[in-house]
Amino acid sequence: MEEKKDKAYFKKLANQLMFDLSDEEAESIVKEFSTLEGQMALMDAVNTDGVEEMVYPFEDGTSYLREDKVSHVISQDDAMANVDKKLEGHFVLPKVVK
């Protein structure tokens, strides 16, 4: 038997997730969930017999993407020109992970 999705249900669920819902918030969620359930029921009603599943929504691949072409290349010396700290051709940054 499926549990009724009312204010008490969503307040209990929120409590299990370690946060509280006001009555207004719970009522809002009940309404949104009801709308969502209606939309899902409409999707379930669509006859998909004989429709092949899709992984990608277009027939053609990504042939419209351009080839990568190297351009505007600067030297390593130019790239490192304004760096305060460098070591063996690399940027040296402060440690951010302990």
PDB file of N, CA and C in Angstrom:
ATOM      1  N   MET A   1       0.831  -1.175   0.000  1.00  0.00           N
ATOM      2  CA  MET A   1       0.000   0.000   0.000  1.00  0.00           C
ATOM      3  C   MET A   1       0.884   1.249   0.000  1.00  0.00           C
ATOM      4  N   GLU A   2       0.572   2.168  -0.866  1.00  0.00           N
ATOM      5  CA  GLU A   2       1.366   3.389  -1.003  1.00  0.00           C
ATOM      6  C   GLU A   2       0.966   4.398   0.070  1.00  0.00           C
ATOM      7  N   GLU A   3       1.979   5.035   0.666  1.00  0.00           N
ATOM      8  CA  GLU A   3       1.732   6.031   1.698  1.00  0.00           C
ATOM      9  C   GLU A   3       1.181   7.314   1.078  1.00  0.00           C
ATOM     10  N   LYS A   4       0.186   7.912   1.736  1.00  0.00           N
ATOM     11  CA  LYS A   4      -0.431   9.148   1.245  1.00  0.00           C
ATOM     12  C   LYS A   4       0.578  10.295   1.342  1.00  0.00           C
ATOM     13  N   LYS A   5       0.692  11.068   0.270  1.00  0.00           N
ATOM     14  CA  LYS A   5       1.655  12.178   0.213  1.00  0.00           C
ATOM     15  C   LYS A   5       0.975  13.460   0.714  1.00  0.00           C
ATOM     16  N   ASP A   6       0.827  13.574   2.033  1.00  0.00           N
ATOM     17  CA  ASP A   6       0.212  14.754   2.625  1.00  0.00           C
ATOM     18  C   ASP A   6       1.267  15.548   3.400  1.00  0.00           C
ATOM     19  N   LYS A   7       0.820  16.597   4.100  1.00  0.00           N
ATOM     20  CA  LYS A   7       1.759  17.439   4.855  1.00  0.00           C
ATOM     21  C   LYS A   7       2.567  16.614   5.857  1.00  0.00           C
ATOM     22  N   ALA A   8       1.894  15.708   6.536  1.00  0.00           N
ATOM     23  CA  ALA A   8       2.581  14.888   7.543  1.00  0.00           C
ATOM     24  C   ALA A   8       3.681  14.039   6.904  1.00  0.00           C
ATOM     25  N   TYR A   9       3.400  13.500   5.724  1.00  0.00           N
ATOM     26  CA  TYR A   9       4.393  12.678   5.011  1.00  0.00           C
ATOM     27  C   TYR A   9       5.654  13.485   4.714  1.00  0.00           C
ATOM     28  N   PHE A  10       5.474  14.693   4.162  1.00  0.00           N
ATOM     29  CA  PHE A  10       6.636  15.497   3.786  1.00  0.00           C
ATOM     30  C   PHE A  10       7.362  16.061   5.011  1.00  0.00           C
ATOM     31  N   LYS A  11       6.627  16.345   6.088  1.00  0.00           N
ATOM     32  CA  LYS A  11       7.273  16.797   7.317  1.00  0.00           C
ATOM     33  C   LYS A  11       8.100  15.658   7.919  1.00  0.00           C
ATOM     34  N   LYS A  12       7.571  14.431   7.874  1.00  0.00           N
ATOM     35  CA  LYS A  12       8.296  13.262   8.370  1.00  0.00           C
ATOM     36  C   LYS A  12       9.555  13.025   7.525  1.00  0.00           C
ATOM     37  N   LEU A  13       9.393  13.122   6.219  1.00  0.00           N
ATOM     38  CA  LEU A  13      10.527  12.933   5.314  1.00  0.00           C
ATOM     39  C   LEU A  13      11.604  13.991   5.567  1.00  0.00           C
ATOM     40  N   ALA A  14      11.193  15.246   5.729  1.00  0.00           N
ATOM     41  CA  ALA A  14      12.141  16.325   6.008  1.00  0.00           C
ATOM     42  C   ALA A  14      12.860  16.064   7.318  1.00  0.00           C
ATOM     43  N   ASN A  15      12.132  15.597   8.326  1.00  0.00           N
ATOM     44  CA  ASN A  15      12.738  15.306   9.620  1.00  0.00           C
ATOM     45  C   ASN A  15      13.781  14.201   9.493  1.00  0.00           C
ATOM     46  N   GLN A  16      13.493  13.197   8.675  1.00  0.00           N
ATOM     47  CA  GLN A  16      14.458  12.116   8.444  1.00  0.00           C
ATOM     48  C   GLN A  16      15.721  12.638   7.764  1.00  0.00           C
ATOM     49  N   LEU A  17      15.559  13.706   6.977  1.00  0.00           N
ATOM     50  CA  LEU A  17      16.698  14.322   6.289  1.00  0.00           C
ATOM     51  C   LEU A  17      17.343  15.420   7.135  1.00  0.00           C
ATOM     52  N   MET A  18      16.857  15.533   8.384  1.00  0.00           N
ATOM     53  CA  MET A  18      17.419  16.432   9.387  1.00  0.00           C
ATOM     54  C   MET A  18      17.184  17.909   9.096  1.00  0.00           C
ATOM     55  N   PHE A  19      15.987  18.245   8.615  1.00  0.00           N
ATOM     56  CA  PHE A  19      15.585  19.646   8.558  1.00  0.00           C
ATOM     57  C   PHE A  19      14.087  19.729   8.791  1.00  0.00           C
ATOM     58  N   ASP A  20      13.645  20.913   9.157  1.00  0.00           N
ATOM     59  CA  ASP A  20      12.242  21.116   9.491  1.00  0.00           C
ATOM     60  C   ASP A  20      11.525  21.865   8.380  1.00  0.00           C
ATOM     61  N   LEU A  21      10.253  21.560   8.215  1.00  0.00           N
ATOM     62  CA  LEU A  21       9.393  22.273   7.276  1.00  0.00           C
ATOM     63  C   LEU A  21       8.279  22.948   8.059  1.00  0.00           C
ATOM     64  N   SER A  22       7.976  24.172   7.692  1.00  0.00           N
ATOM     65  CA  SER A  22       6.802  24.821   8.274  1.00  0.00           C
ATOM     66  C   SER A  22       5.564  24.227   7.611  1.00  0.00           C
ATOM     67  N   ASP A  23       4.392  24.506   8.192  1.00  0.00           N
ATOM     68  CA  ASP A  23       3.144  24.020   7.595  1.00  0.00           C
ATOM     69  C   ASP A  23       2.963  24.583   6.185  1.00  0.00           C
ATOM     70  N   GLU A  24       3.336  25.853   5.994  1.00  0.00           N
ATOM     71  CA  GLU A  24       3.192  26.486   4.681  1.00  0.00           C
ATOM     72  C   GLU A  24       4.109  25.816   3.654  1.00  0.00           C
ATOM     73  N   GLU A  25       5.342  25.528   4.054  1.00  0.00           N
ATOM     74  CA  GLU A  25       6.283  24.870   3.145  1.00  0.00           C
ATOM     75  C   GLU A  25       5.798  23.470   2.788  1.00  0.00           C
ATOM     76  N   ALA A  26       5.320  22.745   3.794  1.00  0.00           N
ATOM     77  CA  ALA A  26       4.828  21.385   3.550  1.00  0.00           C
ATOM     78  C   ALA A  26       3.616  21.413   2.623  1.00  0.00           C
ATOM     79  N   GLU A  27       2.710  22.365   2.819  1.00  0.00           N
ATOM     80  CA  GLU A  27       1.529  22.478   1.957  1.00  0.00           C
ATOM     81  C   GLU A  27       1.937  22.802   0.523  1.00  0.00           C
ATOM     82  N   SER A  28       2.939  23.667   0.371  1.00  0.00           N
ATOM     83  CA  SER A  28       3.440  24.010  -0.959  1.00  0.00           C
ATOM     84  C   SER A  28       4.017  22.782  -1.662  1.00  0.00           C
ATOM     85  N   ILE A  29       4.743  21.975  -0.919  1.00  0.00           N
ATOM     86  CA  ILE A  29       5.331  20.759  -1.488  1.00  0.00           C
ATOM     87  C   ILE A  29       4.238  19.770  -1.880  1.00  0.00           C
ATOM     88  N   VAL A  30       3.194  19.663  -1.055  1.00  0.00           N
ATOM     89  CA  VAL A  30       2.067  18.766  -1.382  1.00  0.00           C
ATOM     90  C   VAL A  30       1.461  19.176  -2.713  1.00  0.00           C
ATOM     91  N   LYS A  31       1.241  20.479  -2.909  1.00  0.00           N
ATOM     92  CA  LYS A  31       0.642  20.962  -4.164  1.00  0.00           C
ATOM     93  C   LYS A  31       1.568  20.698  -5.348  1.00  0.00           C
ATOM     94  N   GLU A  32       2.862  21.003  -5.184  1.00  0.00           N
ATOM     95  CA  GLU A  32       3.825  20.785  -6.268  1.00  0.00           C
ATOM     96  C   GLU A  32       3.921  19.300  -6.612  1.00  0.00           C
ATOM     97  N   PHE A  33       3.927  18.448  -5.571  1.00  0.00           N
ATOM     98  CA  PHE A  33       4.040  17.017  -5.802  1.00  0.00           C
ATOM     99  C   PHE A  33       2.813  16.482  -6.515  1.00  0.00           C
ATOM    100  N   SER A  34       1.654  17.007  -6.149  1.00  0.00           N
ATOM    101  CA  SER A  34       0.414  16.596  -6.806  1.00  0.00           C
ATOM    102  C   SER A  34       0.458  16.949  -8.297  1.00  0.00           C
ATOM    103  N   THR A  35       0.953  18.148  -8.599  1.00  0.00           N
ATOM    104  CA  THR A  35       1.102  18.563 -10.000  1.00  0.00           C
ATOM    105  C   THR A  35       2.071  17.644 -10.729  1.00  0.00           C
ATOM    106  N   LEU A  36       3.175  17.344 -10.087  1.00  0.00           N
ATOM    107  CA  LEU A  36       4.177  16.459 -10.687  1.00  0.00           C
ATOM    108  C   LEU A  36       3.609  15.073 -10.954  1.00  0.00           C
ATOM    109  N   GLU A  37       2.856  14.546  -9.995  1.00  0.00           N
ATOM    110  CA  GLU A  37       2.237  13.233 -10.196  1.00  0.00           C
ATOM    111  C   GLU A  37       1.271  13.253 -11.380  1.00  0.00           C
ATOM    112  N   GLY A  38       0.514  14.339 -11.533  1.00  0.00           N
ATOM    113  CA  GLY A  38      -0.388  14.470 -12.673  1.00  0.00           C
ATOM    114  C   GLY A  38       0.363  14.488 -13.988  1.00  0.00           C
ATOM    115  N   GLN A  39       1.488  15.208 -14.017  1.00  0.00           N
ATOM    116  CA  GLN A  39       2.298  15.265 -15.236  1.00  0.00           C
ATOM    117  C   GLN A  39       2.893  13.899 -15.562  1.00  0.00           C
ATOM    118  N   MET A  40       3.323  13.172 -14.544  1.00  0.00           N
ATOM    119  CA  MET A  40       3.877  11.834 -14.770  1.00  0.00           C
ATOM    120  C   MET A  40       2.795  10.881 -15.275  1.00  0.00           C
ATOM    121  N   ALA A  41       1.572  11.031 -14.772  1.00  0.00           N
ATOM    122  CA  ALA A  41       0.467  10.192 -15.245  1.00  0.00           C
ATOM    123  C   ALA A  41       0.202  10.456 -16.723  1.00  0.00           C
ATOM    124  N   LEU A  42       0.284  11.720 -17.127  1.00  0.00           N
ATOM    125  CA  LEU A  42       0.111  12.043 -18.554  1.00  0.00           C
ATOM    126  C   LEU A  42       1.196  11.387 -19.395  1.00  0.00           C
ATOM    127  N   MET A  43       2.416  11.407 -18.903  1.00  0.00           N
ATOM    128  CA  MET A  43       3.517  10.781 -19.642  1.00  0.00           C
ATOM    129  C   MET A  43       3.318   9.268 -19.734  1.00  0.00           C
ATOM    130  N   ASP A  44       2.830   8.665 -18.647  1.00  0.00           N
ATOM    131  CA  ASP A  44       2.578   7.219 -18.657  1.00  0.00           C
ATOM    132  C   ASP A  44       1.474   6.845 -19.638  1.00  0.00           C
ATOM    133  N   ALA A  45       0.549   7.779 -19.888  1.00  0.00           N
ATOM    134  CA  ALA A  45      -0.578   7.501 -20.777  1.00  0.00           C
ATOM    135  C   ALA A  45      -0.189   7.537 -22.253  1.00  0.00           C
ATOM    136  N   VAL A  46       0.969   8.068 -22.580  1.00  0.00           N
ATOM    137  CA  VAL A  46       1.406   8.155 -23.971  1.00  0.00           C
ATOM    138  C   VAL A  46       1.768   6.757 -24.469  1.00  0.00           C
ATOM    139  N   ASN A  47       1.198   6.384 -25.610  1.00  0.00           N
ATOM    140  CA  ASN A  47       1.462   5.076 -26.197  1.00  0.00           C
ATOM    141  C   ASN A  47       2.828   5.110 -26.890  1.00  0.00           C
ATOM    142  N   THR A  48       3.757   4.335 -26.376  1.00  0.00           N
ATOM    143  CA  THR A  48       5.099   4.294 -26.955  1.00  0.00           C
ATOM    144  C   THR A  48       5.404   2.941 -27.598  1.00  0.00           C
ATOM    145  N   ASP A  49       4.382   2.159 -27.875  1.00  0.00           N
ATOM    146  CA  ASP A  49       4.597   0.869 -28.528  1.00  0.00           C
ATOM    147  C   ASP A  49       5.229   1.110 -29.896  1.00  0.00           C
ATOM    148  N   GLY A  50       6.289   0.374 -30.183  1.00  0.00           N
ATOM    149  CA  GLY A  50       6.952   0.470 -31.477  1.00  0.00           C
ATOM    150  C   GLY A  50       7.889   1.669 -31.607  1.00  0.00           C
ATOM    151  N   VAL A  51       8.063   2.437 -30.545  1.00  0.00           N
ATOM    152  CA  VAL A  51       8.976   3.582 -30.600  1.00  0.00           C
ATOM    153  C   VAL A  51      10.337   3.131 -30.078  1.00  0.00           C
ATOM    154  N   GLU A  52      11.345   3.357 -30.900  1.00  0.00           N
ATOM    155  CA  GLU A  52      12.689   2.944 -30.521  1.00  0.00           C
ATOM    156  C   GLU A  52      13.268   3.912 -29.494  1.00  0.00           C
ATOM    157  N   GLU A  53      13.923   3.366 -28.484  1.00  0.00           N
ATOM    158  CA  GLU A  53      14.535   4.201 -27.456  1.00  0.00           C
ATOM    159  C   GLU A  53      15.673   5.013 -28.060  1.00  0.00           C
ATOM    160  N   MET A  54      15.880   6.203 -27.497  1.00  0.00           N
ATOM    161  CA  MET A  54      16.932   7.095 -27.993  1.00  0.00           C
ATOM    162  C   MET A  54      17.933   7.379 -26.888  1.00  0.00           C
ATOM    163  N   VAL A  55      19.184   7.480 -27.270  1.00  0.00           N
ATOM    164  CA  VAL A  55      20.219   7.909 -26.339  1.00  0.00           C
ATOM    165  C   VAL A  55      20.554   9.360 -26.639  1.00  0.00           C
ATOM    166  N   TYR A  56      20.470   9.728 -27.898  1.00  0.00           N
ATOM    167  CA  TYR A  56      20.813  11.071 -28.365  1.00  0.00           C
ATOM    168  C   TYR A  56      19.635  11.580 -29.177  1.00  0.00           C
ATOM    169  N   PRO A  57      19.172  12.801 -28.966  1.00  0.00           N
ATOM    170  CA  PRO A  57      17.930  13.252 -29.596  1.00  0.00           C
ATOM    171  C   PRO A  57      18.015  13.594 -31.078  1.00  0.00           C
ATOM    172  N   PHE A  58      19.189  13.495 -31.683  1.00  0.00           N
ATOM    173  CA  PHE A  58      19.329  13.854 -33.090  1.00  0.00           C
ATOM    174  C   PHE A  58      19.801  12.648 -33.891  1.00  0.00           C
ATOM    175  N   GLU A  59      19.364  12.587 -35.124  1.00  0.00           N
ATOM    176  CA  GLU A  59      19.762  11.483 -35.999  1.00  0.00           C
ATOM    177  C   GLU A  59      21.260  11.527 -36.301  1.00  0.00           C
ATOM    178  N   ASP A  60      21.759  12.719 -36.643  1.00  0.00           N
ATOM    179  CA  ASP A  60      23.164  12.870 -37.003  1.00  0.00           C
ATOM    180  C   ASP A  60      24.006  13.043 -35.751  1.00  0.00           C
ATOM    181  N   GLY A  61      25.262  12.696 -35.883  1.00  0.00           N
ATOM    182  CA  GLY A  61      26.195  12.921 -34.793  1.00  0.00           C
ATOM    183  C   GLY A  61      26.513  14.391 -34.664  1.00  0.00           C
ATOM    184  N   THR A  62      27.588  14.676 -34.018  1.00  0.00           N
ATOM    185  CA  THR A  62      27.968  16.079 -33.800  1.00  0.00           C
ATOM    186  C   THR A  62      28.898  16.561 -34.911  1.00  0.00           C
ATOM    187  N   SER A  63      28.501  16.330 -36.142  1.00  0.00           N
ATOM    188  CA  SER A  63      29.339  16.706 -37.280  1.00  0.00           C
ATOM    189  C   SER A  63      29.423  18.219 -37.464  1.00  0.00           C
ATOM    190  N   TYR A  64      28.550  18.964 -36.806  1.00  0.00           N
ATOM    191  CA  TYR A  64      28.561  20.413 -36.948  1.00  0.00           C
ATOM    192  C   TYR A  64      29.680  21.065 -36.138  1.00  0.00           C
ATOM    193  N   LEU A  65      30.332  20.297 -35.274  1.00  0.00           N
ATOM    194  CA  LEU A  65      31.424  20.869 -34.494  1.00  0.00           C
ATOM    195  C   LEU A  65      32.645  21.058 -35.376  1.00  0.00           C
ATOM    196  N   ARG A  66      33.349  22.132 -35.177  1.00  0.00           N
ATOM    197  CA  ARG A  66      34.529  22.419 -35.984  1.00  0.00           C
ATOM    198  C   ARG A  66      35.723  21.621 -35.472  1.00  0.00           C
ATOM    199  N   GLU A  67      36.686  21.447 -36.322  1.00  0.00           N
ATOM    200  CA  GLU A  67      37.939  20.823 -35.929  1.00  0.00           C
ATOM    201  C   GLU A  67      38.726  21.803 -35.070  1.00  0.00           C
ATOM    202  N   ASP A  68      39.412  21.301 -34.076  1.00  0.00           N
ATOM    203  CA  ASP A  68      40.270  22.157 -33.270  1.00  0.00           C
ATOM    204  C   ASP A  68      41.517  22.496 -34.068  1.00  0.00           C
ATOM    205  N   LYS A  69      41.823  23.778 -34.139  1.00  0.00           N
ATOM    206  CA  LYS A  69      43.013  24.230 -34.835  1.00  0.00           C
ATOM    207  C   LYS A  69      43.815  25.104 -33.885  1.00  0.00           C
ATOM    208  N   VAL A  70      45.085  24.837 -33.811  1.00  0.00           N
ATOM    209  CA  VAL A  70      45.956  25.612 -32.935  1.00  0.00           C
ATOM    210  C   VAL A  70      46.161  26.994 -33.540  1.00  0.00           C
ATOM    211  N   SER A  71      45.923  28.012 -32.720  1.00  0.00           N
ATOM    212  CA  SER A  71      46.153  29.383 -33.179  1.00  0.00           C
ATOM    213  C   SER A  71      46.518  30.241 -31.971  1.00  0.00           C
ATOM    214  N   HIS A  72      47.092  31.385 -32.228  1.00  0.00           N
ATOM    215  CA  HIS A  72      47.479  32.334 -31.175  1.00  0.00           C
ATOM    216  C   HIS A  72      48.329  31.674 -30.093  1.00  0.00           C
ATOM    217  N   VAL A  73      49.342  30.961 -30.493  1.00  0.00           N
ATOM    218  CA  VAL A  73      50.218  30.276 -29.557  1.00  0.00           C
ATOM    219  C   VAL A  73      51.265  31.258 -29.041  1.00  0.00           C
ATOM    220  N   ILE A  74      51.439  31.260 -27.714  1.00  0.00           N
ATOM    221  CA  ILE A  74      52.505  32.090 -27.134  1.00  0.00           C
ATOM    222  C   ILE A  74      53.548  31.166 -26.535  1.00  0.00           C
ATOM    223  N   SER A  75      54.736  31.675 -26.386  1.00  0.00           N
ATOM    224  CA  SER A  75      55.815  30.856 -25.843  1.00  0.00           C
ATOM    225  C   SER A  75      55.633  30.685 -24.335  1.00  0.00           C
ATOM    226  N   GLN A  76      56.319  29.697 -23.783  1.00  0.00           N
ATOM    227  CA  GLN A  76      56.240  29.472 -22.345  1.00  0.00           C
ATOM    228  C   GLN A  76      56.831  30.670 -21.598  1.00  0.00           C
ATOM    229  N   ASP A  77      57.870  31.248 -22.138  1.00  0.00           N
ATOM    230  CA  ASP A  77      58.466  32.429 -21.495  1.00  0.00           C
ATOM    231  C   ASP A  77      57.472  33.579 -21.439  1.00  0.00           C
ATOM    232  N   ASP A  78      56.714  33.804 -22.526  1.00  0.00           N
ATOM    233  CA  ASP A  78      55.700  34.859 -22.521  1.00  0.00           C
ATOM    234  C   ASP A  78      54.578  34.547 -21.524  1.00  0.00           C
ATOM    235  N   ALA A  79      54.200  33.282 -21.446  1.00  0.00           N
ATOM    236  CA  ALA A  79      53.135  32.892 -20.527  1.00  0.00           C
ATOM    237  C   ALA A  79      53.555  33.070 -19.074  1.00  0.00           C
ATOM    238  N   MET A  80      54.821  32.896 -18.799  1.00  0.00           N
ATOM    239  CA  MET A  80      55.317  32.981 -17.423  1.00  0.00           C
ATOM    240  C   MET A  80      55.853  34.376 -17.081  1.00  0.00           C
ATOM    241  N   ALA A  81      55.746  35.318 -17.989  1.00  0.00           N
ATOM    242  CA  ALA A  81      56.365  36.637 -17.804  1.00  0.00           C
ATOM    243  C   ALA A  81      55.860  37.371 -16.565  1.00  0.00           C
ATOM    244  N   ASN A  82      54.598  37.277 -16.221  1.00  0.00           N
ATOM    245  CA  ASN A  82      54.040  38.020 -15.086  1.00  0.00           C
ATOM    246  C   ASN A  82      53.789  37.162 -13.850  1.00  0.00           C
ATOM    247  N   VAL A  83      54.396  35.987 -13.801  1.00  0.00           N
ATOM    248  CA  VAL A  83      54.187  35.070 -12.685  1.00  0.00           C
ATOM    249  C   VAL A  83      55.147  35.420 -11.554  1.00  0.00           C
ATOM    250  N   ASP A  84      54.603  35.556 -10.326  1.00  0.00           N
ATOM    251  CA  ASP A  84      55.453  35.872  -9.170  1.00  0.00           C
ATOM    252  C   ASP A  84      56.330  34.699  -8.777  1.00  0.00           C
ATOM    253  N   LYS A  85      55.717  33.519  -8.668  1.00  0.00           N
ATOM    254  CA  LYS A  85      56.474  32.332  -8.259  1.00  0.00           C
ATOM    255  C   LYS A  85      56.353  31.264  -9.336  1.00  0.00           C
ATOM    256  N   LYS A  86      57.493  30.737  -9.730  1.00  0.00           N
ATOM    257  CA  LYS A  86      57.487  29.653 -10.711  1.00  0.00           C
ATOM    258  C   LYS A  86      58.575  28.665 -10.350  1.00  0.00           C
ATOM    259  N   LEU A  87      58.391  27.421 -10.777  1.00  0.00           N
ATOM    260  CA  LEU A  87      59.349  26.369 -10.488  1.00  0.00           C
ATOM    261  C   LEU A  87      59.369  25.425 -11.674  1.00  0.00           C
ATOM    262  N   GLU A  88      60.509  25.300 -12.293  1.00  0.00           N
ATOM    263  CA  GLU A  88      60.714  24.397 -13.427  1.00  0.00           C
ATOM    264  C   GLU A  88      59.653  24.588 -14.510  1.00  0.00           C
ATOM    265  N   GLY A  89      59.329  25.842 -14.816  1.00  0.00           N
ATOM    266  CA  GLY A  89      58.402  26.142 -15.893  1.00  0.00           C
ATOM    267  C   GLY A  89      56.937  26.028 -15.529  1.00  0.00           C
ATOM    268  N   HIS A  90      56.616  25.912 -14.230  1.00  0.00           N
ATOM    269  CA  HIS A  90      55.239  25.779 -13.778  1.00  0.00           C
ATOM    270  C   HIS A  90      54.886  26.926 -12.845  1.00  0.00           C
ATOM    271  N   PHE A  91      53.597  27.292 -12.792  1.00  0.00           N
ATOM    272  CA  PHE A  91      53.110  28.263 -11.816  1.00  0.00           C
ATOM    273  C   PHE A  91      53.174  27.634 -10.433  1.00  0.00           C
ATOM    274  N   VAL A  92      53.572  28.401  -9.434  1.00  0.00           N
ATOM    275  CA  VAL A  92      53.544  27.927  -8.047  1.00  0.00           C
ATOM    276  C   VAL A  92      52.448  28.707  -7.333  1.00  0.00           C
ATOM    277  N   LEU A  93      51.468  27.974  -6.822  1.00  0.00           N
ATOM    278  CA  LEU A  93      50.327  28.581  -6.140  1.00  0.00           C
ATOM    279  C   LEU A  93      50.296  28.123  -4.693  1.00  0.00           C
ATOM    280  N   PRO A  94      49.614  28.898  -3.823  1.00  0.00           N
ATOM    281  CA  PRO A  94      49.507  28.465  -2.436  1.00  0.00           C
ATOM    282  C   PRO A  94      48.685  27.178  -2.340  1.00  0.00           C
ATOM    283  N   LYS A  95      49.040  26.346  -1.391  1.00  0.00           N
ATOM    284  CA  LYS A  95      48.312  25.086  -1.173  1.00  0.00           C
ATOM    285  C   LYS A  95      46.905  25.411  -0.670  1.00  0.00           C
ATOM    286  N   VAL A  96      45.888  24.806  -1.276  1.00  0.00           N
ATOM    287  CA  VAL A  96      44.507  25.072  -0.882  1.00  0.00           C
ATOM    288  C   VAL A  96      43.831  23.849  -0.272  1.00  0.00           C
ATOM    289  N   VAL A  97      44.465  22.710  -0.311  1.00  0.00           N
ATOM    290  CA  VAL A  97      43.909  21.481   0.252  1.00  0.00           C
ATOM    291  C   VAL A  97      44.845  20.995   1.347  1.00  0.00           C
ATOM    292  N   LYS A  98      44.267  20.663   2.484  1.00  0.00           N
ATOM    293  CA  LYS A  98      45.095  20.189   3.601  1.00  0.00           C
ATOM    294  C   LYS A  98      45.380  18.726   3.471  1.00  0.00           C
TER     295      LYS A  98
END
